[in-house]
Amino acid sequence: MIGYTVFGSNDHPRALEFYDKLFSDVGGKRVMDMGDLVLYGFAQGPMFGIGKPYNKQAATAGNGTMISFNAGSKEKVELIHARALSLGGTCEGKPGPRSDNFYAAYFRDLDGNKMCAFSMS
């Protein structure tokens, strides 16, 4: 089972502001702050972290790398996608059905990391 995932950032304070606001809509909050790494916790599922790369090199978005999280409902998927875009993120796929029971939206954060908010019915 996954315990946590981490994205690197080149502008740590700006990334934290983005994720503080983004995750507030789905009950996510900071649960660990170690300076260069902050982990967010949710009611269920693994933690998510944002941090400065340990090797002190520039953070880069991985090609083919994506983290997804269950937003809990179609309405929350739409809310999270709109919130991400309003905070400066970019659209990678508007909210909509992807299969019979999978509803999702895709976006990139301020550092180009790809995320998916989804709901299954």
N, C-alpha and C. Protein backbone atom coordinates (compact mmCIF):
# COMPACT_ATOMS: atom_id res chain seq x y z
N MET A 1 0.84 -1.18 0.00
CA MET A 1 0.00 0.00 0.00
C MET A 1 0.89 1.24 0.00
N ILE A 2 0.49 2.24 -0.71
CA ILE A 2 1.24 3.49 -0.80
C ILE A 2 1.02 4.30 0.47
N GLY A 3 2.11 4.78 1.06
CA GLY A 3 2.04 5.62 2.26
C GLY A 3 1.96 7.10 1.94
N TYR A 4 2.78 7.52 0.95
CA TYR A 4 2.74 8.91 0.50
C TYR A 4 3.42 9.04 -0.85
N THR A 5 3.11 10.11 -1.53
CA THR A 5 3.74 10.47 -2.80
C THR A 5 4.27 11.89 -2.65
N VAL A 6 5.25 12.25 -3.47
CA VAL A 6 5.85 13.58 -3.38
C VAL A 6 6.11 14.13 -4.78
N PHE A 7 5.80 15.40 -4.97
CA PHE A 7 6.22 16.15 -6.14
C PHE A 7 7.28 17.14 -5.70
N GLY A 8 8.26 17.36 -6.54
CA GLY A 8 9.25 18.39 -6.28
C GLY A 8 8.76 19.74 -6.79
N SER A 9 9.29 20.80 -6.20
CA SER A 9 8.93 22.15 -6.62
C SER A 9 10.17 23.03 -6.64
N ASN A 10 10.18 23.96 -7.58
CA ASN A 10 11.26 24.94 -7.67
C ASN A 10 10.92 26.23 -6.95
N ASP A 11 9.68 26.38 -6.53
CA ASP A 11 9.23 27.55 -5.76
C ASP A 11 8.36 27.02 -4.62
N HIS A 12 9.02 26.55 -3.57
CA HIS A 12 8.35 25.88 -2.46
C HIS A 12 7.21 26.70 -1.84
N PRO A 13 7.42 27.98 -1.48
CA PRO A 13 6.32 28.74 -0.89
C PRO A 13 5.12 28.88 -1.83
N ARG A 14 5.38 29.08 -3.10
CA ARG A 14 4.28 29.21 -4.07
C ARG A 14 3.53 27.89 -4.23
N ALA A 15 4.26 26.79 -4.26
CA ALA A 15 3.64 25.47 -4.37
C ALA A 15 2.78 25.18 -3.14
N LEU A 16 3.28 25.51 -1.96
CA LEU A 16 2.50 25.27 -0.75
C LEU A 16 1.21 26.09 -0.74
N GLU A 17 1.26 27.31 -1.20
CA GLU A 17 0.06 28.13 -1.28
C GLU A 17 -0.95 27.50 -2.24
N PHE A 18 -0.46 27.01 -3.38
CA PHE A 18 -1.31 26.33 -4.37
C PHE A 18 -2.00 25.12 -3.73
N TYR A 19 -1.23 24.24 -3.10
CA TYR A 19 -1.80 23.01 -2.54
C TYR A 19 -2.63 23.26 -1.28
N ASP A 20 -2.28 24.24 -0.46
CA ASP A 20 -3.13 24.58 0.69
C ASP A 20 -4.54 24.91 0.21
N LYS A 21 -4.62 25.74 -0.82
CA LYS A 21 -5.93 26.16 -1.34
C LYS A 21 -6.62 25.03 -2.10
N LEU A 22 -5.86 24.29 -2.91
CA LEU A 22 -6.44 23.22 -3.70
C LEU A 22 -7.04 22.13 -2.82
N PHE A 23 -6.30 21.67 -1.84
CA PHE A 23 -6.75 20.56 -1.02
C PHE A 23 -7.78 20.96 0.04
N SER A 24 -7.94 22.24 0.31
CA SER A 24 -8.93 22.66 1.31
C SER A 24 -10.34 22.26 0.88
N ASP A 25 -10.57 22.12 -0.42
CA ASP A 25 -11.89 21.74 -0.92
C ASP A 25 -12.23 20.27 -0.70
N VAL A 26 -11.24 19.44 -0.42
CA VAL A 26 -11.49 18.01 -0.20
C VAL A 26 -10.99 17.55 1.17
N GLY A 27 -10.84 18.49 2.09
CA GLY A 27 -10.48 18.14 3.46
C GLY A 27 -9.01 17.85 3.68
N GLY A 28 -8.17 18.16 2.72
CA GLY A 28 -6.74 17.94 2.89
C GLY A 28 -6.11 19.06 3.70
N LYS A 29 -5.18 18.68 4.57
CA LYS A 29 -4.50 19.69 5.38
C LYS A 29 -3.08 19.23 5.66
N ARG A 30 -2.24 20.19 5.99
CA ARG A 30 -0.85 19.87 6.33
C ARG A 30 -0.82 19.02 7.60
N VAL A 31 -0.12 17.89 7.52
CA VAL A 31 0.00 17.03 8.70
C VAL A 31 1.44 16.88 9.15
N MET A 32 2.40 17.17 8.26
CA MET A 32 3.82 17.14 8.62
C MET A 32 4.52 18.26 7.87
N ASP A 33 5.30 19.03 8.60
CA ASP A 33 6.06 20.11 7.98
C ASP A 33 7.51 19.96 8.44
N MET A 34 8.36 19.56 7.50
CA MET A 34 9.77 19.36 7.80
C MET A 34 10.63 20.40 7.09
N GLY A 35 10.06 21.55 6.85
CA GLY A 35 10.79 22.62 6.18
C GLY A 35 10.77 22.47 4.69
N ASP A 36 11.70 21.68 4.15
CA ASP A 36 11.79 21.48 2.71
C ASP A 36 10.78 20.47 2.17
N LEU A 37 10.07 19.78 3.06
CA LEU A 37 9.04 18.81 2.66
C LEU A 37 7.82 18.98 3.55
N VAL A 38 6.66 19.13 2.91
CA VAL A 38 5.40 19.24 3.63
C VAL A 38 4.48 18.14 3.13
N LEU A 39 3.87 17.39 4.05
CA LEU A 39 2.94 16.33 3.70
C LEU A 39 1.52 16.74 4.07
N TYR A 40 0.61 16.45 3.17
CA TYR A 40 -0.82 16.71 3.37
C TYR A 40 -1.51 15.40 3.66
N GLY A 41 -2.44 15.43 4.60
CA GLY A 41 -3.22 14.26 4.94
C GLY A 41 -4.68 14.46 4.59
N PHE A 42 -5.36 13.34 4.37
CA PHE A 42 -6.77 13.32 3.99
C PHE A 42 -7.49 12.31 4.87
N ALA A 43 -8.81 12.32 4.85
CA ALA A 43 -9.58 11.39 5.67
C ALA A 43 -9.23 9.94 5.36
N GLN A 44 -8.95 9.65 4.10
CA GLN A 44 -8.55 8.30 3.71
C GLN A 44 -7.50 8.37 2.62
N GLY A 45 -6.73 7.33 2.51
CA GLY A 45 -5.73 7.26 1.45
C GLY A 45 -4.37 7.73 1.90
N PRO A 46 -3.40 7.66 0.98
CA PRO A 46 -2.03 8.04 1.31
C PRO A 46 -1.88 9.54 1.45
N MET A 47 -0.78 9.95 2.07
CA MET A 47 -0.46 11.37 2.17
C MET A 47 0.17 11.83 0.86
N PHE A 48 0.13 13.13 0.65
CA PHE A 48 0.74 13.76 -0.53
C PHE A 48 1.72 14.82 -0.05
N GLY A 49 2.90 14.83 -0.65
CA GLY A 49 3.91 15.80 -0.24
C GLY A 49 4.38 16.68 -1.37
N ILE A 50 4.84 17.86 -0.99
CA ILE A 50 5.47 18.78 -1.92
C ILE A 50 6.78 19.22 -1.27
N GLY A 51 7.85 19.17 -2.03
CA GLY A 51 9.13 19.49 -1.41
C GLY A 51 10.20 19.91 -2.38
N LYS A 52 11.26 20.42 -1.83
CA LYS A 52 12.44 20.75 -2.61
C LYS A 52 13.19 19.44 -2.86
N PRO A 53 13.69 19.20 -4.07
CA PRO A 53 14.43 17.96 -4.32
C PRO A 53 15.60 17.80 -3.35
N TYR A 54 15.74 16.61 -2.82
CA TYR A 54 16.77 16.31 -1.83
C TYR A 54 18.17 16.54 -2.38
N ASN A 55 18.36 16.27 -3.69
CA ASN A 55 19.69 16.40 -4.28
C ASN A 55 20.04 17.84 -4.67
N LYS A 56 19.18 18.77 -4.34
CA LYS A 56 19.38 20.20 -4.59
C LYS A 56 19.38 20.57 -6.07
N GLN A 57 19.03 19.63 -6.94
CA GLN A 57 18.92 19.91 -8.37
C GLN A 57 17.52 20.47 -8.65
N ALA A 58 17.30 20.98 -9.87
CA ALA A 58 16.00 21.52 -10.25
C ALA A 58 14.95 20.41 -10.27
N ALA A 59 13.76 20.73 -9.80
CA ALA A 59 12.64 19.81 -9.88
C ALA A 59 12.13 19.79 -11.32
N THR A 60 11.78 18.61 -11.80
CA THR A 60 11.21 18.47 -13.13
C THR A 60 9.99 17.56 -13.05
N ALA A 61 9.03 17.81 -13.95
CA ALA A 61 7.84 16.95 -14.03
C ALA A 61 8.21 15.72 -14.85
N GLY A 62 7.84 14.55 -14.37
CA GLY A 62 8.17 13.32 -15.07
C GLY A 62 7.26 13.08 -16.26
N ASN A 63 7.82 12.65 -17.36
CA ASN A 63 7.04 12.31 -18.55
C ASN A 63 6.36 10.97 -18.30
N GLY A 64 5.03 10.97 -18.31
CA GLY A 64 4.27 9.77 -18.01
C GLY A 64 3.96 9.60 -16.53
N THR A 65 4.39 10.54 -15.70
CA THR A 65 4.14 10.48 -14.26
C THR A 65 2.89 11.27 -13.92
N MET A 66 2.03 10.69 -13.11
CA MET A 66 0.81 11.37 -12.69
C MET A 66 0.40 10.82 -11.33
N ILE A 67 -0.13 11.68 -10.50
CA ILE A 67 -0.72 11.26 -9.24
C ILE A 67 -2.21 11.56 -9.31
N SER A 68 -3.02 10.60 -8.92
CA SER A 68 -4.46 10.81 -8.93
C SER A 68 -5.01 10.65 -7.52
N PHE A 69 -6.12 11.31 -7.27
CA PHE A 69 -6.76 11.17 -5.97
C PHE A 69 -8.27 11.17 -6.13
N ASN A 70 -8.92 10.41 -5.25
CA ASN A 70 -10.37 10.28 -5.27
C ASN A 70 -10.98 11.51 -4.62
N ALA A 71 -11.66 12.31 -5.42
CA ALA A 71 -12.30 13.52 -4.91
C ALA A 71 -13.62 13.23 -4.22
N GLY A 72 -14.19 12.06 -4.45
CA GLY A 72 -15.39 11.65 -3.73
C GLY A 72 -16.69 11.83 -4.47
N SER A 73 -16.74 12.75 -5.43
CA SER A 73 -17.98 12.98 -6.18
C SER A 73 -17.65 13.72 -7.47
N LYS A 74 -18.57 13.66 -8.43
CA LYS A 74 -18.38 14.40 -9.68
C LYS A 74 -18.28 15.90 -9.40
N GLU A 75 -19.09 16.37 -8.46
CA GLU A 75 -19.08 17.80 -8.13
C GLU A 75 -17.72 18.23 -7.58
N LYS A 76 -17.12 17.39 -6.75
CA LYS A 76 -15.80 17.70 -6.19
C LYS A 76 -14.72 17.64 -7.27
N VAL A 77 -14.85 16.71 -8.22
CA VAL A 77 -13.91 16.65 -9.35
C VAL A 77 -13.94 17.99 -10.09
N GLU A 78 -15.14 18.46 -10.38
CA GLU A 78 -15.29 19.73 -11.10
C GLU A 78 -14.77 20.90 -10.28
N LEU A 79 -15.04 20.89 -8.99
CA LEU A 79 -14.57 21.95 -8.10
C LEU A 79 -13.03 21.98 -8.04
N ILE A 80 -12.40 20.82 -7.87
CA ILE A 80 -10.95 20.75 -7.78
C ILE A 80 -10.30 21.20 -9.09
N HIS A 81 -10.84 20.77 -10.22
CA HIS A 81 -10.29 21.16 -11.52
C HIS A 81 -10.39 22.68 -11.69
N ALA A 82 -11.55 23.24 -11.40
CA ALA A 82 -11.72 24.70 -11.51
C ALA A 82 -10.79 25.43 -10.55
N ARG A 83 -10.65 24.93 -9.34
CA ARG A 83 -9.77 25.55 -8.35
C ARG A 83 -8.32 25.52 -8.84
N ALA A 84 -7.88 24.38 -9.35
CA ALA A 84 -6.50 24.27 -9.85
C ALA A 84 -6.24 25.30 -10.95
N LEU A 85 -7.17 25.45 -11.87
CA LEU A 85 -6.98 26.42 -12.95
C LEU A 85 -7.00 27.85 -12.43
N SER A 86 -7.86 28.12 -11.46
CA SER A 86 -7.93 29.48 -10.89
C SER A 86 -6.66 29.85 -10.13
N LEU A 87 -5.93 28.82 -9.66
CA LEU A 87 -4.69 29.05 -8.91
C LEU A 87 -3.47 29.08 -9.82
N GLY A 88 -3.66 28.97 -11.13
CA GLY A 88 -2.55 29.04 -12.06
C GLY A 88 -2.16 27.72 -12.69
N GLY A 89 -2.86 26.64 -12.33
CA GLY A 89 -2.59 25.35 -12.96
C GLY A 89 -3.10 25.35 -14.39
N THR A 90 -2.74 24.33 -15.16
CA THR A 90 -3.17 24.24 -16.55
C THR A 90 -4.00 22.98 -16.77
N CYS A 91 -4.95 23.08 -17.68
CA CYS A 91 -5.87 21.98 -17.98
C CYS A 91 -5.18 20.92 -18.83
N GLU A 92 -5.35 19.66 -18.43
CA GLU A 92 -4.86 18.52 -19.20
C GLU A 92 -6.01 17.61 -19.60
N GLY A 93 -7.23 18.00 -19.27
CA GLY A 93 -8.42 17.22 -19.61
C GLY A 93 -9.58 17.68 -18.76
N LYS A 94 -10.58 18.26 -19.40
CA LYS A 94 -11.75 18.79 -18.68
C LYS A 94 -12.48 17.68 -17.93
N PRO A 95 -13.24 18.04 -16.89
CA PRO A 95 -14.02 17.05 -16.17
C PRO A 95 -15.01 16.34 -17.09
N GLY A 96 -15.12 15.04 -16.94
CA GLY A 96 -16.07 14.28 -17.72
C GLY A 96 -15.90 12.79 -17.50
N PRO A 97 -16.86 12.02 -18.04
CA PRO A 97 -16.76 10.56 -17.90
C PRO A 97 -15.64 10.02 -18.77
N ARG A 98 -14.90 9.06 -18.22
CA ARG A 98 -13.82 8.41 -18.96
C ARG A 98 -14.17 6.94 -19.24
N SER A 99 -15.10 6.43 -18.48
CA SER A 99 -15.66 5.09 -18.70
C SER A 99 -17.02 5.08 -18.00
N ASP A 100 -17.65 3.92 -17.96
CA ASP A 100 -18.99 3.85 -17.38
C ASP A 100 -19.07 4.35 -15.95
N ASN A 101 -18.06 4.08 -15.13
CA ASN A 101 -18.14 4.47 -13.72
C ASN A 101 -16.96 5.31 -13.25
N PHE A 102 -16.20 5.89 -14.19
CA PHE A 102 -15.02 6.68 -13.83
C PHE A 102 -15.17 8.08 -14.40
N TYR A 103 -15.25 9.07 -13.51
CA TYR A 103 -15.40 10.48 -13.88
C TYR A 103 -14.13 11.19 -13.43
N ALA A 104 -13.48 11.94 -14.33
CA ALA A 104 -12.17 12.48 -13.97
C ALA A 104 -11.89 13.82 -14.66
N ALA A 105 -10.94 14.53 -14.08
CA ALA A 105 -10.40 15.76 -14.66
C ALA A 105 -8.90 15.75 -14.43
N TYR A 106 -8.16 16.32 -15.38
CA TYR A 106 -6.70 16.30 -15.34
C TYR A 106 -6.16 17.72 -15.40
N PHE A 107 -5.10 17.95 -14.63
CA PHE A 107 -4.48 19.28 -14.62
C PHE A 107 -3.02 19.16 -14.22
N ARG A 108 -2.27 20.23 -14.48
CA ARG A 108 -0.88 20.33 -14.05
C ARG A 108 -0.76 21.43 -13.02
N ASP A 109 0.11 21.21 -12.05
CA ASP A 109 0.35 22.23 -11.02
C ASP A 109 1.31 23.29 -11.56
N LEU A 110 1.76 24.16 -10.70
CA LEU A 110 2.61 25.29 -11.10
C LEU A 110 3.98 24.86 -11.59
N ASP A 111 4.42 23.64 -11.24
CA ASP A 111 5.72 23.13 -11.68
C ASP A 111 5.57 22.14 -12.84
N GLY A 112 4.36 21.98 -13.35
CA GLY A 112 4.13 21.09 -14.48
C GLY A 112 3.83 19.65 -14.12
N ASN A 113 3.67 19.34 -12.84
CA ASN A 113 3.33 17.99 -12.40
C ASN A 113 1.88 17.70 -12.73
N LYS A 114 1.61 16.51 -13.28
CA LYS A 114 0.26 16.15 -13.70
C LYS A 114 -0.50 15.46 -12.57
N MET A 115 -1.77 15.89 -12.42
CA MET A 115 -2.64 15.30 -11.40
C MET A 115 -3.99 14.97 -12.02
N CYS A 116 -4.67 14.03 -11.40
CA CYS A 116 -6.01 13.65 -11.80
C CYS A 116 -6.89 13.63 -10.54
N ALA A 117 -8.02 14.31 -10.63
CA ALA A 117 -9.06 14.19 -9.59
C ALA A 117 -10.14 13.31 -10.20
N PHE A 118 -10.57 12.27 -9.46
CA PHE A 118 -11.56 11.35 -10.02
C PHE A 118 -12.61 10.98 -8.99
N SER A 119 -13.69 10.40 -9.52
CA SER A 119 -14.75 9.84 -8.71
C SER A 119 -15.24 8.59 -9.40
N MET A 120 -15.52 7.55 -8.63
CA MET A 120 -16.07 6.32 -9.20
C MET A 120 -17.46 6.10 -8.65
N SER A 121 -18.36 5.71 -9.53
CA SER A 121 -19.74 5.47 -9.08
C SER A 121 -20.15 4.06 -9.37
